[in-house]
Amino acid sequence: MHAVRRALVEAQAEQTGIPLWPVELPWPCSNLEYEERMRAVCQRATDEGIGAIAFGDLFLQDVRAYRVRQLQGSGLEPMFPVWKIPTEQLAREMIAAGVRAKITCVDPSKLAKSFAGQEYDLQLLQTLPPEVDPCGENGEFHTFVYDAPVFSRPIAVRNGELVERGGFVFADLIPQ
């Protein structure tokens, strides 16, 4: 859903020092196929001594319950470190902490197309319509983080073209 170039995701992993384990998915991908591939990577995690997986879910109980179900019996503990933090508060705390991101995907049925490619900052938060969650928790938008305190250095990106596909608007971010 983020529609971010693989090179940028690889750069995030490099800047954080966290290994990236790509899980290749066919297109289209059934939920059964998705779950099988995720089970395989969870098995790899436990084989390598990993005991928990952290998720960034905030308040969608059905999504949390799904993740808990999927990890049952895997040997991995699901963790939800930002669960129930009010999203307005969390958005402001992330920005104040130095997280820098751009909006890469917009659901135009929930948010104007013009938000695609914009910087995720305090100015953006002030311009979001009141019915839009400041963290996009209801799928209104998705982001790409290009700088954060855990990065060894920022990832240089520039906005490319906007593309409409499958009912969504995507802002192509181009590595520099």
N, C-alpha and C. Protein backbone atom coordinates (compact mmCIF):
# COMPACT_ATOMS: atom_id res chain seq x y z
N MET A 1 0.82 -1.21 0.00
CA MET A 1 0.00 0.00 0.00
C MET A 1 0.86 1.26 0.00
N HIS A 2 2.06 1.16 0.45
CA HIS A 2 2.91 2.35 0.51
C HIS A 2 3.47 2.70 -0.86
N ALA A 3 3.57 1.71 -1.73
CA ALA A 3 4.07 1.89 -3.10
C ALA A 3 5.43 2.58 -3.11
N VAL A 4 6.32 2.11 -2.27
CA VAL A 4 7.66 2.68 -2.17
C VAL A 4 8.63 1.76 -2.92
N ARG A 5 9.54 2.37 -3.64
CA ARG A 5 10.54 1.58 -4.37
C ARG A 5 11.33 0.71 -3.40
N ARG A 6 11.64 -0.48 -3.85
CA ARG A 6 12.39 -1.42 -3.00
C ARG A 6 13.72 -0.82 -2.54
N ALA A 7 14.38 -0.06 -3.41
CA ALA A 7 15.67 0.55 -3.04
C ALA A 7 15.52 1.45 -1.81
N LEU A 8 14.38 2.09 -1.66
CA LEU A 8 14.17 2.96 -0.51
C LEU A 8 13.94 2.15 0.76
N VAL A 9 13.22 1.05 0.66
CA VAL A 9 13.03 0.18 1.83
C VAL A 9 14.38 -0.42 2.23
N GLU A 10 15.18 -0.79 1.26
CA GLU A 10 16.52 -1.31 1.55
C GLU A 10 17.37 -0.24 2.22
N ALA A 11 17.23 1.01 1.79
CA ALA A 11 17.97 2.11 2.41
C ALA A 11 17.54 2.31 3.86
N GLN A 12 16.24 2.17 4.14
CA GLN A 12 15.77 2.27 5.53
C GLN A 12 16.46 1.20 6.39
N ALA A 13 16.50 -0.01 5.89
CA ALA A 13 17.13 -1.09 6.65
C ALA A 13 18.61 -0.78 6.88
N GLU A 14 19.27 -0.30 5.86
CA GLU A 14 20.70 0.04 5.98
C GLU A 14 20.91 1.15 7.01
N GLN A 15 20.08 2.19 6.97
CA GLN A 15 20.25 3.32 7.87
C GLN A 15 19.94 2.99 9.32
N THR A 16 19.12 1.95 9.55
CA THR A 16 18.79 1.56 10.92
C THR A 16 19.68 0.41 11.40
N GLY A 17 20.35 -0.25 10.48
CA GLY A 17 21.17 -1.40 10.86
C GLY A 17 20.34 -2.64 11.14
N ILE A 18 19.08 -2.64 10.72
CA ILE A 18 18.20 -3.79 10.93
C ILE A 18 18.16 -4.60 9.63
N PRO A 19 18.44 -5.90 9.72
CA PRO A 19 18.40 -6.72 8.50
C PRO A 19 17.00 -6.72 7.87
N LEU A 20 16.96 -6.70 6.57
CA LEU A 20 15.70 -6.74 5.83
C LEU A 20 15.50 -8.16 5.30
N TRP A 21 14.34 -8.71 5.61
CA TRP A 21 13.99 -10.04 5.12
C TRP A 21 12.83 -9.89 4.13
N PRO A 22 13.12 -9.70 2.87
CA PRO A 22 12.03 -9.55 1.90
C PRO A 22 11.17 -10.81 1.82
N VAL A 23 9.87 -10.61 1.75
CA VAL A 23 8.93 -11.70 1.54
C VAL A 23 8.25 -11.41 0.20
N GLU A 24 8.64 -12.15 -0.81
CA GLU A 24 8.10 -11.93 -2.15
C GLU A 24 6.67 -12.46 -2.21
N LEU A 25 5.77 -11.63 -2.72
CA LEU A 25 4.36 -12.01 -2.86
C LEU A 25 3.97 -11.94 -4.33
N PRO A 26 3.23 -12.93 -4.81
CA PRO A 26 2.75 -12.85 -6.19
C PRO A 26 1.64 -11.80 -6.28
N TRP A 27 1.33 -11.39 -7.50
CA TRP A 27 0.21 -10.47 -7.71
C TRP A 27 -0.71 -11.07 -8.75
N PRO A 28 -1.94 -11.27 -8.44
CA PRO A 28 -2.58 -11.05 -7.14
C PRO A 28 -2.15 -12.12 -6.14
N CYS A 29 -2.35 -11.83 -4.87
CA CYS A 29 -1.95 -12.75 -3.80
C CYS A 29 -3.16 -13.04 -2.92
N SER A 30 -3.48 -14.32 -2.81
CA SER A 30 -4.59 -14.70 -1.94
C SER A 30 -4.16 -14.56 -0.48
N ASN A 31 -5.13 -14.44 0.40
CA ASN A 31 -4.81 -14.35 1.83
C ASN A 31 -4.14 -15.64 2.30
N LEU A 32 -4.55 -16.78 1.76
CA LEU A 32 -3.94 -18.05 2.11
C LEU A 32 -2.45 -18.05 1.75
N GLU A 33 -2.14 -17.62 0.55
CA GLU A 33 -0.73 -17.55 0.10
C GLU A 33 0.06 -16.58 0.98
N TYR A 34 -0.52 -15.42 1.27
CA TYR A 34 0.13 -14.43 2.14
C TYR A 34 0.46 -15.06 3.50
N GLU A 35 -0.52 -15.73 4.10
CA GLU A 35 -0.33 -16.32 5.42
C GLU A 35 0.72 -17.42 5.40
N GLU A 36 0.77 -18.21 4.34
CA GLU A 36 1.78 -19.26 4.23
C GLU A 36 3.18 -18.66 4.18
N ARG A 37 3.35 -17.63 3.40
CA ARG A 37 4.67 -16.99 3.28
C ARG A 37 5.07 -16.31 4.59
N MET A 38 4.11 -15.72 5.27
CA MET A 38 4.41 -15.09 6.55
C MET A 38 4.76 -16.13 7.61
N ARG A 39 4.09 -17.27 7.59
CA ARG A 39 4.43 -18.36 8.52
C ARG A 39 5.88 -18.80 8.32
N ALA A 40 6.30 -18.88 7.07
CA ALA A 40 7.67 -19.30 6.77
C ALA A 40 8.68 -18.30 7.33
N VAL A 41 8.42 -17.01 7.18
CA VAL A 41 9.37 -16.02 7.70
C VAL A 41 9.32 -15.98 9.23
N CYS A 42 8.17 -16.26 9.83
CA CYS A 42 8.09 -16.35 11.29
C CYS A 42 8.90 -17.54 11.78
N GLN A 43 8.86 -18.63 11.05
CA GLN A 43 9.68 -19.79 11.41
C GLN A 43 11.16 -19.43 11.34
N ARG A 44 11.54 -18.71 10.32
CA ARG A 44 12.94 -18.25 10.20
C ARG A 44 13.32 -17.42 11.42
N ALA A 45 12.42 -16.52 11.82
CA ALA A 45 12.70 -15.65 12.97
C ALA A 45 12.94 -16.48 14.23
N THR A 46 12.08 -17.45 14.49
CA THR A 46 12.28 -18.26 15.70
C THR A 46 13.55 -19.11 15.57
N ASP A 47 13.84 -19.61 14.37
CA ASP A 47 15.06 -20.37 14.15
C ASP A 47 16.30 -19.53 14.45
N GLU A 48 16.20 -18.21 14.22
CA GLU A 48 17.34 -17.32 14.45
C GLU A 48 17.32 -16.69 15.85
N GLY A 49 16.43 -17.19 16.71
CA GLY A 49 16.43 -16.75 18.11
C GLY A 49 15.62 -15.51 18.40
N ILE A 50 14.81 -15.07 17.46
CA ILE A 50 13.94 -13.91 17.69
C ILE A 50 12.72 -14.39 18.46
N GLY A 51 12.32 -13.63 19.49
CA GLY A 51 11.22 -14.06 20.34
C GLY A 51 9.96 -13.21 20.25
N ALA A 52 10.03 -12.06 19.56
CA ALA A 52 8.88 -11.17 19.51
C ALA A 52 8.88 -10.37 18.21
N ILE A 53 7.70 -9.92 17.83
CA ILE A 53 7.53 -9.02 16.68
C ILE A 53 6.70 -7.84 17.16
N ALA A 54 7.18 -6.63 16.86
CA ALA A 54 6.46 -5.42 17.24
C ALA A 54 5.64 -4.91 16.05
N PHE A 55 4.42 -4.51 16.32
CA PHE A 55 3.52 -3.96 15.32
C PHE A 55 3.18 -2.52 15.68
N GLY A 56 2.93 -1.70 14.68
CA GLY A 56 2.62 -0.30 14.91
C GLY A 56 1.14 0.01 14.93
N ASP A 57 0.32 -1.00 15.17
CA ASP A 57 -1.12 -0.78 15.22
C ASP A 57 -1.47 0.12 16.39
N LEU A 58 -2.48 0.98 16.17
CA LEU A 58 -2.84 1.98 17.17
C LEU A 58 -4.17 1.69 17.86
N PHE A 59 -5.21 1.39 17.06
CA PHE A 59 -6.51 1.18 17.71
C PHE A 59 -7.46 0.26 16.96
N LEU A 60 -7.05 -0.33 15.87
CA LEU A 60 -7.94 -1.21 15.12
C LEU A 60 -7.90 -2.62 15.73
N GLN A 61 -8.89 -2.91 16.57
CA GLN A 61 -8.92 -4.15 17.33
C GLN A 61 -8.95 -5.38 16.42
N ASP A 62 -9.65 -5.30 15.28
CA ASP A 62 -9.71 -6.46 14.40
C ASP A 62 -8.34 -6.78 13.79
N VAL A 63 -7.56 -5.76 13.48
CA VAL A 63 -6.22 -5.97 12.94
C VAL A 63 -5.32 -6.58 14.01
N ARG A 64 -5.41 -6.04 15.22
CA ARG A 64 -4.61 -6.57 16.32
C ARG A 64 -4.96 -8.05 16.57
N ALA A 65 -6.24 -8.37 16.61
CA ALA A 65 -6.68 -9.74 16.86
C ALA A 65 -6.17 -10.67 15.76
N TYR A 66 -6.17 -10.21 14.51
CA TYR A 66 -5.66 -11.00 13.39
C TYR A 66 -4.18 -11.31 13.60
N ARG A 67 -3.40 -10.30 13.96
CA ARG A 67 -1.97 -10.50 14.16
C ARG A 67 -1.69 -11.48 15.30
N VAL A 68 -2.45 -11.33 16.39
CA VAL A 68 -2.29 -12.25 17.52
C VAL A 68 -2.61 -13.68 17.09
N ARG A 69 -3.71 -13.85 16.35
CA ARG A 69 -4.08 -15.19 15.86
C ARG A 69 -2.99 -15.78 14.98
N GLN A 70 -2.45 -14.96 14.08
CA GLN A 70 -1.45 -15.46 13.14
C GLN A 70 -0.17 -15.89 13.84
N LEU A 71 0.15 -15.30 14.98
CA LEU A 71 1.38 -15.66 15.68
C LEU A 71 1.19 -16.77 16.71
N GLN A 72 -0.06 -17.15 16.97
CA GLN A 72 -0.30 -18.23 17.94
C GLN A 72 0.44 -19.49 17.53
N GLY A 73 1.18 -20.04 18.47
CA GLY A 73 1.91 -21.27 18.23
C GLY A 73 3.19 -21.10 17.44
N SER A 74 3.53 -19.88 17.07
CA SER A 74 4.73 -19.64 16.26
C SER A 74 5.99 -19.52 17.11
N GLY A 75 5.82 -19.30 18.41
CA GLY A 75 6.97 -19.03 19.26
C GLY A 75 7.33 -17.56 19.31
N LEU A 76 6.58 -16.73 18.59
CA LEU A 76 6.81 -15.28 18.58
C LEU A 76 5.72 -14.58 19.37
N GLU A 77 6.15 -13.64 20.20
CA GLU A 77 5.19 -12.85 20.98
C GLU A 77 4.84 -11.59 20.20
N PRO A 78 3.55 -11.31 20.01
CA PRO A 78 3.19 -10.05 19.37
C PRO A 78 3.29 -8.91 20.39
N MET A 79 3.91 -7.81 19.98
CA MET A 79 4.03 -6.63 20.84
C MET A 79 3.39 -5.44 20.13
N PHE A 80 2.74 -4.59 20.90
CA PHE A 80 2.05 -3.42 20.35
C PHE A 80 2.45 -2.19 21.16
N PRO A 81 3.67 -1.67 20.93
CA PRO A 81 4.20 -0.60 21.79
C PRO A 81 3.47 0.74 21.70
N VAL A 82 2.74 1.00 20.63
CA VAL A 82 2.03 2.29 20.52
C VAL A 82 0.51 2.12 20.63
N TRP A 83 0.08 0.94 21.02
CA TRP A 83 -1.35 0.64 21.11
C TRP A 83 -2.05 1.62 22.05
N LYS A 84 -3.13 2.19 21.55
CA LYS A 84 -4.02 3.09 22.29
C LYS A 84 -3.41 4.46 22.62
N ILE A 85 -2.24 4.77 22.08
CA ILE A 85 -1.74 6.14 22.22
C ILE A 85 -2.61 7.00 21.32
N PRO A 86 -3.19 8.08 21.84
CA PRO A 86 -4.01 8.93 20.97
C PRO A 86 -3.21 9.40 19.75
N THR A 87 -3.82 9.25 18.58
CA THR A 87 -3.06 9.48 17.35
C THR A 87 -2.61 10.93 17.16
N GLU A 88 -3.37 11.88 17.62
CA GLU A 88 -2.93 13.29 17.54
C GLU A 88 -1.66 13.46 18.37
N GLN A 89 -1.65 12.88 19.56
CA GLN A 89 -0.48 12.95 20.43
C GLN A 89 0.71 12.24 19.80
N LEU A 90 0.49 11.03 19.30
CA LEU A 90 1.58 10.26 18.71
C LEU A 90 2.16 10.96 17.49
N ALA A 91 1.31 11.51 16.63
CA ALA A 91 1.80 12.22 15.44
C ALA A 91 2.70 13.37 15.84
N ARG A 92 2.29 14.16 16.80
CA ARG A 92 3.09 15.31 17.24
C ARG A 92 4.39 14.86 17.92
N GLU A 93 4.32 13.78 18.70
CA GLU A 93 5.53 13.27 19.36
C GLU A 93 6.54 12.75 18.33
N MET A 94 6.07 12.07 17.30
CA MET A 94 6.98 11.56 16.27
C MET A 94 7.67 12.72 15.55
N ILE A 95 6.90 13.72 15.18
CA ILE A 95 7.47 14.87 14.47
C ILE A 95 8.47 15.60 15.38
N ALA A 96 8.10 15.81 16.64
CA ALA A 96 8.99 16.49 17.59
C ALA A 96 10.27 15.70 17.82
N ALA A 97 10.19 14.37 17.73
CA ALA A 97 11.36 13.51 17.95
C ALA A 97 12.30 13.50 16.75
N GLY A 98 11.87 14.08 15.63
CA GLY A 98 12.73 14.13 14.46
C GLY A 98 12.39 13.14 13.37
N VAL A 99 11.24 12.49 13.45
CA VAL A 99 10.82 11.60 12.37
C VAL A 99 10.37 12.47 11.20
N ARG A 100 10.94 12.21 10.03
CA ARG A 100 10.58 12.95 8.83
C ARG A 100 10.06 11.95 7.79
N ALA A 101 8.91 12.26 7.22
CA ALA A 101 8.27 11.34 6.29
C ALA A 101 7.52 12.11 5.22
N LYS A 102 7.17 11.40 4.16
CA LYS A 102 6.34 11.94 3.09
C LYS A 102 5.15 11.01 2.88
N ILE A 103 4.04 11.59 2.49
CA ILE A 103 2.86 10.79 2.17
C ILE A 103 3.08 10.17 0.79
N THR A 104 2.97 8.84 0.74
CA THR A 104 3.22 8.12 -0.51
C THR A 104 1.95 7.58 -1.14
N CYS A 105 0.88 7.47 -0.36
CA CYS A 105 -0.36 6.90 -0.87
C CYS A 105 -1.54 7.60 -0.20
N VAL A 106 -2.54 7.92 -0.99
CA VAL A 106 -3.75 8.58 -0.49
C VAL A 106 -4.96 7.81 -1.01
N ASP A 107 -5.92 7.58 -0.12
CA ASP A 107 -7.22 7.06 -0.54
C ASP A 107 -8.07 8.29 -0.84
N PRO A 108 -8.30 8.60 -2.12
CA PRO A 108 -9.01 9.84 -2.47
C PRO A 108 -10.46 9.88 -2.03
N SER A 109 -11.00 8.74 -1.59
CA SER A 109 -12.36 8.77 -1.06
C SER A 109 -12.36 9.30 0.38
N LYS A 110 -11.17 9.41 0.98
CA LYS A 110 -11.06 9.86 2.36
C LYS A 110 -10.23 11.14 2.52
N LEU A 111 -9.36 11.42 1.54
CA LEU A 111 -8.44 12.56 1.63
C LEU A 111 -8.13 13.05 0.22
N ALA A 112 -8.02 14.35 0.05
CA ALA A 112 -7.77 14.93 -1.28
C ALA A 112 -6.47 14.40 -1.88
N LYS A 113 -6.49 14.20 -3.19
CA LYS A 113 -5.32 13.72 -3.93
C LYS A 113 -4.10 14.60 -3.71
N SER A 114 -4.34 15.89 -3.49
CA SER A 114 -3.25 16.85 -3.35
C SER A 114 -2.34 16.57 -2.16
N PHE A 115 -2.76 15.70 -1.25
CA PHE A 115 -1.91 15.37 -0.10
C PHE A 115 -0.80 14.39 -0.49
N ALA A 116 -0.95 13.67 -1.58
CA ALA A 116 0.08 12.72 -2.02
C ALA A 116 1.37 13.47 -2.30
N GLY A 117 2.46 12.99 -1.72
CA GLY A 117 3.77 13.60 -1.90
C GLY A 117 4.12 14.67 -0.88
N GLN A 118 3.15 15.06 -0.06
CA GLN A 118 3.42 16.12 0.92
C GLN A 118 4.26 15.62 2.08
N GLU A 119 4.96 16.55 2.68
CA GLU A 119 5.74 16.29 3.88
C GLU A 119 4.80 16.04 5.05
N TYR A 120 5.09 15.03 5.84
CA TYR A 120 4.30 14.73 7.04
C TYR A 120 4.90 15.56 8.17
N ASP A 121 4.28 16.71 8.43
CA ASP A 121 4.81 17.62 9.44
C ASP A 121 3.66 18.32 10.15
N LEU A 122 3.99 19.24 11.04
CA LEU A 122 2.95 19.94 11.80
C LEU A 122 2.00 20.72 10.90
N GLN A 123 2.53 21.31 9.85
CA GLN A 123 1.67 22.05 8.91
C GLN A 123 0.65 21.10 8.27
N LEU A 124 1.10 19.92 7.88
CA LEU A 124 0.18 18.95 7.29
C LEU A 124 -0.90 18.57 8.30
N LEU A 125 -0.51 18.31 9.54
CA LEU A 125 -1.49 17.93 10.57
C LEU A 125 -2.57 18.99 10.72
N GLN A 126 -2.18 20.25 10.60
CA GLN A 126 -3.14 21.35 10.74
C GLN A 126 -4.10 21.44 9.57
N THR A 127 -3.70 20.89 8.42
CA THR A 127 -4.56 20.99 7.22
C THR A 127 -5.39 19.74 6.98
N LEU A 128 -5.16 18.68 7.76
CA LEU A 128 -5.96 17.47 7.58
C LEU A 128 -7.42 17.74 7.97
N PRO A 129 -8.36 17.25 7.18
CA PRO A 129 -9.76 17.38 7.57
C PRO A 129 -10.00 16.68 8.92
N PRO A 130 -10.94 17.16 9.71
CA PRO A 130 -11.15 16.59 11.05
C PRO A 130 -11.51 15.10 11.05
N GLU A 131 -12.09 14.60 9.97
CA GLU A 131 -12.48 13.18 9.93
C GLU A 131 -11.30 12.26 9.56
N VAL A 132 -10.15 12.83 9.23
CA VAL A 132 -8.98 12.04 8.85
C VAL A 132 -8.09 11.84 10.07
N ASP A 133 -7.75 10.58 10.34
CA ASP A 133 -6.88 10.29 11.48
C ASP A 133 -5.48 10.84 11.22
N PRO A 134 -4.87 11.52 12.19
CA PRO A 134 -3.55 12.13 11.98
C PRO A 134 -2.43 11.12 11.70
N CYS A 135 -2.66 9.85 12.00
CA CYS A 135 -1.69 8.81 11.68
C CYS A 135 -2.15 7.94 10.52
N GLY A 136 -3.28 8.29 9.90
CA GLY A 136 -3.80 7.51 8.77
C GLY A 136 -4.23 6.11 9.17
N GLU A 137 -4.63 5.94 10.41
CA GLU A 137 -4.93 4.60 10.93
C GLU A 137 -6.12 3.94 10.25
N ASN A 138 -6.97 4.71 9.61
CA ASN A 138 -8.12 4.13 8.90
C ASN A 138 -7.86 3.99 7.40
N GLY A 139 -6.58 4.01 7.02
CA GLY A 139 -6.21 3.82 5.62
C GLY A 139 -6.33 5.07 4.77
N GLU A 140 -6.46 6.23 5.40
CA GLU A 140 -6.59 7.47 4.63
C GLU A 140 -5.33 7.78 3.84
N PHE A 141 -4.18 7.46 4.42
CA PHE A 141 -2.90 7.70 3.76
C PHE A 141 -1.85 6.77 4.34
N HIS A 142 -0.74 6.64 3.59
CA HIS A 142 0.42 5.87 4.03
C HIS A 142 1.65 6.73 3.79
N THR A 143 2.71 6.46 4.55
CA THR A 143 3.91 7.30 4.48
C THR A 143 5.18 6.49 4.28
N PHE A 144 6.24 7.21 3.98
CA PHE A 144 7.59 6.67 3.94
C PHE A 144 8.46 7.55 4.82
N VAL A 145 9.11 6.93 5.81
CA VAL A 145 10.03 7.66 6.70
C VAL A 145 11.40 7.70 6.03
N TYR A 146 11.91 8.93 5.84
CA TYR A 146 13.23 9.07 5.21
C TYR A 146 14.29 9.58 6.18
N ASP A 147 13.88 9.93 7.39
CA ASP A 147 14.83 10.31 8.42
C ASP A 147 14.19 10.10 9.78
N ALA A 148 14.99 9.68 10.72
CA ALA A 148 14.52 9.43 12.08
C ALA A 148 15.73 9.33 12.99
N PRO A 149 15.53 9.50 14.28
CA PRO A 149 16.66 9.41 15.21
C PRO A 149 17.41 8.07 15.13
N VAL A 150 16.76 7.00 14.71
CA VAL A 150 17.42 5.69 14.62
C VAL A 150 18.19 5.51 13.31
N PHE A 151 18.11 6.47 12.39
CA PHE A 151 18.83 6.38 11.12
C PHE A 151 20.26 6.90 11.32
N SER A 152 21.22 6.27 10.65
CA SER A 152 22.59 6.77 10.71
C SER A 152 22.73 8.05 9.88
N ARG A 153 21.89 8.21 8.87
CA ARG A 153 21.81 9.46 8.09
C ARG A 153 20.49 9.45 7.33
N PRO A 154 20.02 10.63 6.93
CA PRO A 154 18.76 10.69 6.18
C PRO A 154 18.89 10.01 4.81
N ILE A 155 17.75 9.59 4.28
CA ILE A 155 17.67 9.04 2.93
C ILE A 155 17.20 10.17 2.02
N ALA A 156 18.02 10.52 1.06
CA ALA A 156 17.67 11.62 0.15
C ALA A 156 16.63 11.12 -0.86
N VAL A 157 15.49 11.81 -0.89
CA VAL A 157 14.43 11.48 -1.84
C VAL A 157 13.88 12.75 -2.45
N ARG A 158 13.31 12.59 -3.62
CA ARG A 158 12.57 13.70 -4.24
C ARG A 158 11.27 13.15 -4.78
N ASN A 159 10.28 14.01 -4.89
CA ASN A 159 8.99 13.59 -5.42
C ASN A 159 9.08 13.37 -6.91
N GLY A 160 8.51 12.24 -7.33
CA GLY A 160 8.36 11.95 -8.75
C GLY A 160 6.92 12.20 -9.15
N GLU A 161 6.45 11.43 -10.09
CA GLU A 161 5.10 11.65 -10.59
C GLU A 161 4.04 11.05 -9.66
N LEU A 162 2.83 11.57 -9.79
CA LEU A 162 1.67 11.01 -9.09
C LEU A 162 1.00 10.03 -10.04
N VAL A 163 0.61 8.88 -9.49
CA VAL A 163 -0.01 7.82 -10.29
C VAL A 163 -1.30 7.39 -9.61
N GLU A 164 -2.37 7.28 -10.39
CA GLU A 164 -3.63 6.74 -9.86
C GLU A 164 -3.75 5.30 -10.31
N ARG A 165 -3.96 4.41 -9.32
CA ARG A 165 -4.03 2.99 -9.62
C ARG A 165 -4.89 2.30 -8.57
N GLY A 166 -5.85 1.51 -9.02
CA GLY A 166 -6.66 0.72 -8.10
C GLY A 166 -7.45 1.55 -7.10
N GLY A 167 -7.83 2.75 -7.48
CA GLY A 167 -8.62 3.59 -6.59
C GLY A 167 -7.79 4.39 -5.60
N PHE A 168 -6.46 4.36 -5.73
CA PHE A 168 -5.59 5.11 -4.83
C PHE A 168 -4.69 6.04 -5.64
N VAL A 169 -4.13 7.04 -4.97
CA VAL A 169 -3.18 7.96 -5.59
C VAL A 169 -1.83 7.74 -4.92
N PHE A 170 -0.82 7.49 -5.73
CA PHE A 170 0.53 7.20 -5.24
C PHE A 170 1.49 8.28 -5.67
N ALA A 171 2.31 8.72 -4.73
CA ALA A 171 3.40 9.66 -5.04
C ALA A 171 4.69 8.84 -5.11
N ASP A 172 5.28 8.81 -6.29
CA ASP A 172 6.53 8.06 -6.46
C ASP A 172 7.66 8.86 -5.83
N LEU A 173 8.34 8.26 -4.87
CA LEU A 173 9.52 8.89 -4.28
C LEU A 173 10.74 8.30 -4.98
N ILE A 174 11.61 9.20 -5.39
CA ILE A 174 12.79 8.80 -6.16
C ILE A 174 14.03 9.00 -5.30
N PRO A 175 14.85 7.94 -5.15
CA PRO A 175 16.09 8.10 -4.41
C PRO A 175 17.03 9.05 -5.13
N GLN A 176 17.77 9.85 -4.39
CA GLN A 176 18.72 10.79 -5.01
C GLN A 176 20.14 10.35 -4.75
